[in-house]
Amino acid sequence: MPATPKKGRRFGGDAAHQRLMMANLVASLIAVVPGFDALLHGNKAYLAVTSLLGTAAFAGGLLMLISASDIGLAILMAAMVVLWAIATSHHMLIDAKVHGRRHFRLAA
């Protein structure tokens, strides 16, 4: 005999906490990112690749949540790892151009 679902705690606990969580979400979504204008007018390949990877991560996350799919989780994690690697190398290159720092040296 299947179990009857029980009503759990509400999202956020109480109404005040829900409003605070939603306000924080809205603030994060509309936050002004420093240098975003330069990104839009900068390297179009970087913007295109990261946008495609972000879309793939989003689709993988939805697939994972909707169907409890291992493939969705794998897509999400792979896209996140690649995005992290791209962002890290991009920041290192920008830092090297702006400040003249070298973060790694190739052995001769």
N, C-alpha and C. Protein backbone atom coordinates (compact mmCIF):
# COMPACT_ATOMS: atom_id res chain seq x y z
N MET A 1 0.85 -1.17 0.00
CA MET A 1 0.00 0.00 0.00
C MET A 1 0.90 1.24 0.00
N PRO A 2 0.74 2.18 -0.97
CA PRO A 2 1.60 3.35 -1.03
C PRO A 2 1.35 4.30 0.15
N ALA A 3 2.43 4.94 0.56
CA ALA A 3 2.33 5.87 1.68
C ALA A 3 1.67 7.18 1.21
N THR A 4 0.96 7.80 2.12
CA THR A 4 0.34 9.09 1.83
C THR A 4 1.37 10.19 2.04
N PRO A 5 1.54 11.08 1.05
CA PRO A 5 2.51 12.16 1.24
C PRO A 5 2.11 13.06 2.39
N LYS A 6 3.09 13.47 3.14
CA LYS A 6 2.84 14.35 4.28
C LYS A 6 3.26 15.77 3.90
N LYS A 7 2.54 16.73 4.43
CA LYS A 7 2.85 18.13 4.15
C LYS A 7 4.08 18.51 4.98
N GLY A 8 5.13 18.95 4.28
CA GLY A 8 6.35 19.35 4.96
C GLY A 8 6.36 20.83 5.33
N ARG A 9 7.52 21.29 5.79
CA ARG A 9 7.67 22.71 6.11
C ARG A 9 7.53 23.55 4.86
N ARG A 10 7.04 24.75 5.04
CA ARG A 10 6.90 25.65 3.91
C ARG A 10 8.28 26.14 3.47
N PHE A 11 8.36 26.51 2.22
CA PHE A 11 9.59 27.10 1.67
C PHE A 11 9.94 28.34 2.49
N GLY A 12 11.09 28.33 3.15
CA GLY A 12 11.53 29.49 3.91
C GLY A 12 11.05 29.52 5.34
N GLY A 13 10.26 28.56 5.75
CA GLY A 13 9.84 28.52 7.15
C GLY A 13 8.60 29.34 7.43
N ASP A 14 8.71 30.67 7.35
CA ASP A 14 7.55 31.54 7.57
C ASP A 14 7.52 32.61 6.49
N ALA A 15 6.46 33.40 6.49
CA ALA A 15 6.25 34.38 5.43
C ALA A 15 7.36 35.43 5.39
N ALA A 16 7.82 35.87 6.56
CA ALA A 16 8.87 36.90 6.59
C ALA A 16 10.17 36.37 5.99
N HIS A 17 10.50 35.12 6.30
CA HIS A 17 11.72 34.52 5.76
C HIS A 17 11.60 34.30 4.26
N GLN A 18 10.41 33.92 3.79
CA GLN A 18 10.17 33.77 2.35
C GLN A 18 10.40 35.09 1.63
N ARG A 19 9.86 36.19 2.17
CA ARG A 19 10.05 37.50 1.55
C ARG A 19 11.53 37.87 1.51
N LEU A 20 12.25 37.60 2.58
CA LEU A 20 13.68 37.91 2.62
C LEU A 20 14.46 37.09 1.59
N MET A 21 14.14 35.80 1.48
CA MET A 21 14.82 34.96 0.49
C MET A 21 14.53 35.43 -0.93
N MET A 22 13.29 35.78 -1.21
CA MET A 22 12.93 36.25 -2.55
C MET A 22 13.57 37.61 -2.85
N ALA A 23 13.65 38.49 -1.85
CA ALA A 23 14.32 39.78 -2.04
C ALA A 23 15.80 39.58 -2.35
N ASN A 24 16.44 38.64 -1.68
CA ASN A 24 17.85 38.35 -1.95
C ASN A 24 18.02 37.76 -3.35
N LEU A 25 17.09 36.91 -3.77
CA LEU A 25 17.15 36.35 -5.12
C LEU A 25 17.01 37.45 -6.17
N VAL A 26 16.05 38.35 -5.98
CA VAL A 26 15.85 39.45 -6.93
C VAL A 26 17.09 40.34 -6.97
N ALA A 27 17.65 40.66 -5.80
CA ALA A 27 18.86 41.50 -5.76
C ALA A 27 20.01 40.84 -6.51
N SER A 28 20.15 39.54 -6.39
CA SER A 28 21.21 38.82 -7.10
C SER A 28 20.98 38.82 -8.61
N LEU A 29 19.73 38.68 -9.01
CA LEU A 29 19.42 38.62 -10.44
C LEU A 29 19.60 39.95 -11.15
N ILE A 30 19.37 41.07 -10.43
CA ILE A 30 19.46 42.37 -11.09
C ILE A 30 20.72 43.13 -10.72
N ALA A 31 21.65 42.46 -10.05
CA ALA A 31 22.89 43.13 -9.64
C ALA A 31 23.69 43.59 -10.86
N VAL A 32 24.31 44.74 -10.71
CA VAL A 32 25.16 45.27 -11.77
C VAL A 32 26.53 44.63 -11.65
N VAL A 33 26.97 44.00 -12.71
CA VAL A 33 28.26 43.33 -12.71
C VAL A 33 29.30 44.31 -13.25
N PRO A 34 30.32 44.64 -12.44
CA PRO A 34 31.35 45.56 -12.95
C PRO A 34 32.04 44.98 -14.18
N GLY A 35 32.18 45.79 -15.19
CA GLY A 35 32.86 45.35 -16.39
C GLY A 35 31.97 44.60 -17.36
N PHE A 36 30.67 44.49 -17.08
CA PHE A 36 29.78 43.76 -17.97
C PHE A 36 29.68 44.42 -19.33
N ASP A 37 29.68 45.76 -19.36
CA ASP A 37 29.63 46.48 -20.62
C ASP A 37 30.87 46.17 -21.47
N ALA A 38 32.03 46.11 -20.81
CA ALA A 38 33.26 45.77 -21.53
C ALA A 38 33.21 44.34 -22.06
N LEU A 39 32.58 43.44 -21.31
CA LEU A 39 32.45 42.06 -21.76
C LEU A 39 31.61 41.98 -23.03
N LEU A 40 30.52 42.73 -23.06
CA LEU A 40 29.64 42.71 -24.24
C LEU A 40 30.33 43.28 -25.47
N HIS A 41 31.26 44.23 -25.27
CA HIS A 41 31.95 44.83 -26.40
C HIS A 41 33.35 44.25 -26.60
N GLY A 42 33.67 43.21 -25.84
CA GLY A 42 35.00 42.61 -25.92
C GLY A 42 35.03 41.39 -26.81
N ASN A 43 35.61 40.33 -26.32
CA ASN A 43 35.83 39.10 -27.07
C ASN A 43 34.50 38.37 -27.30
N LYS A 44 34.04 38.38 -28.54
CA LYS A 44 32.75 37.76 -28.87
C LYS A 44 32.80 36.24 -28.77
N ALA A 45 33.95 35.64 -29.07
CA ALA A 45 34.07 34.19 -28.97
C ALA A 45 33.93 33.75 -27.51
N TYR A 46 34.57 34.48 -26.59
CA TYR A 46 34.47 34.17 -25.15
C TYR A 46 33.02 34.26 -24.71
N LEU A 47 32.33 35.32 -25.11
CA LEU A 47 30.94 35.51 -24.74
C LEU A 47 30.05 34.41 -25.31
N ALA A 48 30.29 34.03 -26.57
CA ALA A 48 29.47 33.00 -27.21
C ALA A 48 29.68 31.63 -26.55
N VAL A 49 30.94 31.27 -26.32
CA VAL A 49 31.24 29.95 -25.73
C VAL A 49 30.68 29.85 -24.31
N THR A 50 30.90 30.88 -23.50
CA THR A 50 30.41 30.83 -22.13
C THR A 50 28.89 30.87 -22.08
N SER A 51 28.26 31.58 -23.01
CA SER A 51 26.80 31.60 -23.06
C SER A 51 26.25 30.22 -23.43
N LEU A 52 26.87 29.56 -24.39
CA LEU A 52 26.43 28.21 -24.77
C LEU A 52 26.63 27.22 -23.62
N LEU A 53 27.76 27.32 -22.95
CA LEU A 53 28.01 26.42 -21.81
C LEU A 53 27.03 26.70 -20.67
N GLY A 54 26.73 27.96 -20.43
CA GLY A 54 25.75 28.31 -19.40
C GLY A 54 24.37 27.77 -19.74
N THR A 55 24.00 27.85 -21.00
CA THR A 55 22.72 27.31 -21.44
C THR A 55 22.70 25.79 -21.28
N ALA A 56 23.80 25.13 -21.62
CA ALA A 56 23.88 23.67 -21.45
C ALA A 56 23.79 23.30 -19.97
N ALA A 57 24.46 24.08 -19.11
CA ALA A 57 24.39 23.81 -17.66
C ALA A 57 22.95 23.98 -17.15
N PHE A 58 22.29 25.02 -17.62
CA PHE A 58 20.90 25.26 -17.22
C PHE A 58 19.99 24.11 -17.67
N ALA A 59 20.16 23.69 -18.93
CA ALA A 59 19.35 22.58 -19.46
C ALA A 59 19.63 21.29 -18.70
N GLY A 60 20.91 21.04 -18.40
CA GLY A 60 21.26 19.85 -17.62
C GLY A 60 20.66 19.89 -16.23
N GLY A 61 20.68 21.07 -15.61
CA GLY A 61 20.08 21.21 -14.29
C GLY A 61 18.58 20.97 -14.31
N LEU A 62 17.90 21.52 -15.33
CA LEU A 62 16.46 21.28 -15.44
C LEU A 62 16.17 19.80 -15.66
N LEU A 63 16.94 19.17 -16.55
CA LEU A 63 16.76 17.74 -16.81
C LEU A 63 16.96 16.94 -15.52
N MET A 64 17.97 17.31 -14.76
CA MET A 64 18.26 16.61 -13.51
C MET A 64 17.11 16.77 -12.52
N LEU A 65 16.58 18.01 -12.38
CA LEU A 65 15.52 18.25 -11.42
C LEU A 65 14.19 17.63 -11.83
N ILE A 66 13.87 17.72 -13.12
CA ILE A 66 12.57 17.24 -13.57
C ILE A 66 12.51 15.72 -13.60
N SER A 67 13.55 15.07 -14.11
CA SER A 67 13.47 13.61 -14.27
C SER A 67 14.45 12.83 -13.39
N ALA A 68 15.11 13.52 -12.44
CA ALA A 68 16.10 12.87 -11.57
C ALA A 68 17.11 12.10 -12.40
N SER A 69 17.61 12.76 -13.44
CA SER A 69 18.48 12.11 -14.42
C SER A 69 19.96 12.24 -14.05
N ASP A 70 20.67 11.12 -14.14
CA ASP A 70 22.12 11.14 -13.94
C ASP A 70 22.81 11.85 -15.11
N ILE A 71 22.23 11.74 -16.29
CA ILE A 71 22.80 12.41 -17.46
C ILE A 71 22.71 13.93 -17.29
N GLY A 72 21.59 14.42 -16.76
CA GLY A 72 21.45 15.84 -16.49
C GLY A 72 22.49 16.34 -15.51
N LEU A 73 22.74 15.54 -14.46
CA LEU A 73 23.76 15.90 -13.48
C LEU A 73 25.14 15.92 -14.12
N ALA A 74 25.42 14.95 -14.98
CA ALA A 74 26.72 14.91 -15.65
C ALA A 74 26.91 16.12 -16.57
N ILE A 75 25.86 16.49 -17.30
CA ILE A 75 25.94 17.67 -18.17
C ILE A 75 26.18 18.92 -17.34
N LEU A 76 25.43 19.07 -16.26
CA LEU A 76 25.58 20.23 -15.38
C LEU A 76 26.99 20.32 -14.82
N MET A 77 27.51 19.23 -14.28
CA MET A 77 28.84 19.25 -13.67
C MET A 77 29.94 19.48 -14.70
N ALA A 78 29.83 18.85 -15.87
CA ALA A 78 30.84 19.05 -16.91
C ALA A 78 30.86 20.50 -17.38
N ALA A 79 29.68 21.08 -17.60
CA ALA A 79 29.62 22.49 -18.02
C ALA A 79 30.19 23.40 -16.95
N MET A 80 29.91 23.12 -15.68
CA MET A 80 30.45 23.96 -14.60
C MET A 80 31.97 23.88 -14.52
N VAL A 81 32.52 22.70 -14.69
CA VAL A 81 33.98 22.54 -14.65
C VAL A 81 34.63 23.30 -15.80
N VAL A 82 34.06 23.18 -17.00
CA VAL A 82 34.62 23.89 -18.15
C VAL A 82 34.48 25.40 -17.97
N LEU A 83 33.32 25.86 -17.48
CA LEU A 83 33.14 27.29 -17.23
C LEU A 83 34.13 27.80 -16.19
N TRP A 84 34.37 27.00 -15.14
CA TRP A 84 35.35 27.40 -14.12
C TRP A 84 36.75 27.53 -14.73
N ALA A 85 37.14 26.56 -15.55
CA ALA A 85 38.46 26.60 -16.18
C ALA A 85 38.60 27.81 -17.11
N ILE A 86 37.56 28.07 -17.89
CA ILE A 86 37.60 29.23 -18.80
C ILE A 86 37.68 30.52 -18.01
N ALA A 87 36.86 30.66 -16.97
CA ALA A 87 36.86 31.89 -16.18
C ALA A 87 38.20 32.10 -15.48
N THR A 88 38.77 31.04 -14.94
CA THR A 88 40.06 31.16 -14.25
C THR A 88 41.16 31.59 -15.22
N SER A 89 41.22 30.96 -16.38
CA SER A 89 42.26 31.34 -17.34
C SER A 89 42.01 32.75 -17.87
N HIS A 90 40.76 33.11 -18.07
CA HIS A 90 40.43 34.46 -18.54
C HIS A 90 40.87 35.51 -17.52
N HIS A 91 40.62 35.26 -16.25
CA HIS A 91 41.02 36.21 -15.21
C HIS A 91 42.54 36.30 -15.10
N MET A 92 43.23 35.19 -15.28
CA MET A 92 44.69 35.21 -15.24
C MET A 92 45.25 36.03 -16.40
N LEU A 93 44.65 35.89 -17.58
CA LEU A 93 45.12 36.66 -18.74
C LEU A 93 44.85 38.15 -18.56
N ILE A 94 43.69 38.49 -18.04
CA ILE A 94 43.36 39.91 -17.80
C ILE A 94 44.31 40.49 -16.77
N ASP A 95 44.57 39.73 -15.68
CA ASP A 95 45.47 40.21 -14.64
C ASP A 95 46.88 40.40 -15.20
N ALA A 96 47.31 39.51 -16.07
CA ALA A 96 48.64 39.63 -16.67
C ALA A 96 48.72 40.87 -17.55
N LYS A 97 47.66 41.17 -18.30
CA LYS A 97 47.66 42.35 -19.17
C LYS A 97 47.61 43.64 -18.35
N VAL A 98 46.78 43.67 -17.33
CA VAL A 98 46.58 44.90 -16.57
C VAL A 98 47.74 45.17 -15.62
N HIS A 99 48.20 44.14 -14.91
CA HIS A 99 49.21 44.34 -13.87
C HIS A 99 50.59 43.81 -14.25
N GLY A 100 50.70 43.17 -15.37
CA GLY A 100 51.99 42.64 -15.78
C GLY A 100 52.46 41.45 -14.98
N ARG A 101 51.54 40.75 -14.33
CA ARG A 101 51.91 39.59 -13.50
C ARG A 101 51.88 38.33 -14.34
N ARG A 102 52.79 37.44 -14.03
CA ARG A 102 52.77 36.11 -14.65
C ARG A 102 52.48 35.10 -13.56
N HIS A 103 51.44 34.30 -13.75
CA HIS A 103 51.02 33.35 -12.73
C HIS A 103 51.69 32.00 -12.87
N PHE A 104 52.22 31.74 -14.01
CA PHE A 104 52.91 30.47 -14.20
C PHE A 104 54.00 30.69 -15.25
N ARG A 105 55.02 29.88 -15.18
CA ARG A 105 56.11 29.95 -16.14
C ARG A 105 56.30 28.57 -16.74
N LEU A 106 56.51 28.54 -18.03
CA LEU A 106 56.78 27.28 -18.70
C LEU A 106 58.25 26.93 -18.54
N ALA A 107 58.52 25.67 -18.27
CA ALA A 107 59.91 25.24 -18.11
C ALA A 107 60.63 25.31 -19.45
N ALA A 108 61.87 25.76 -19.42
CA ALA A 108 62.63 25.90 -20.67
C ALA A 108 63.37 24.63 -20.99
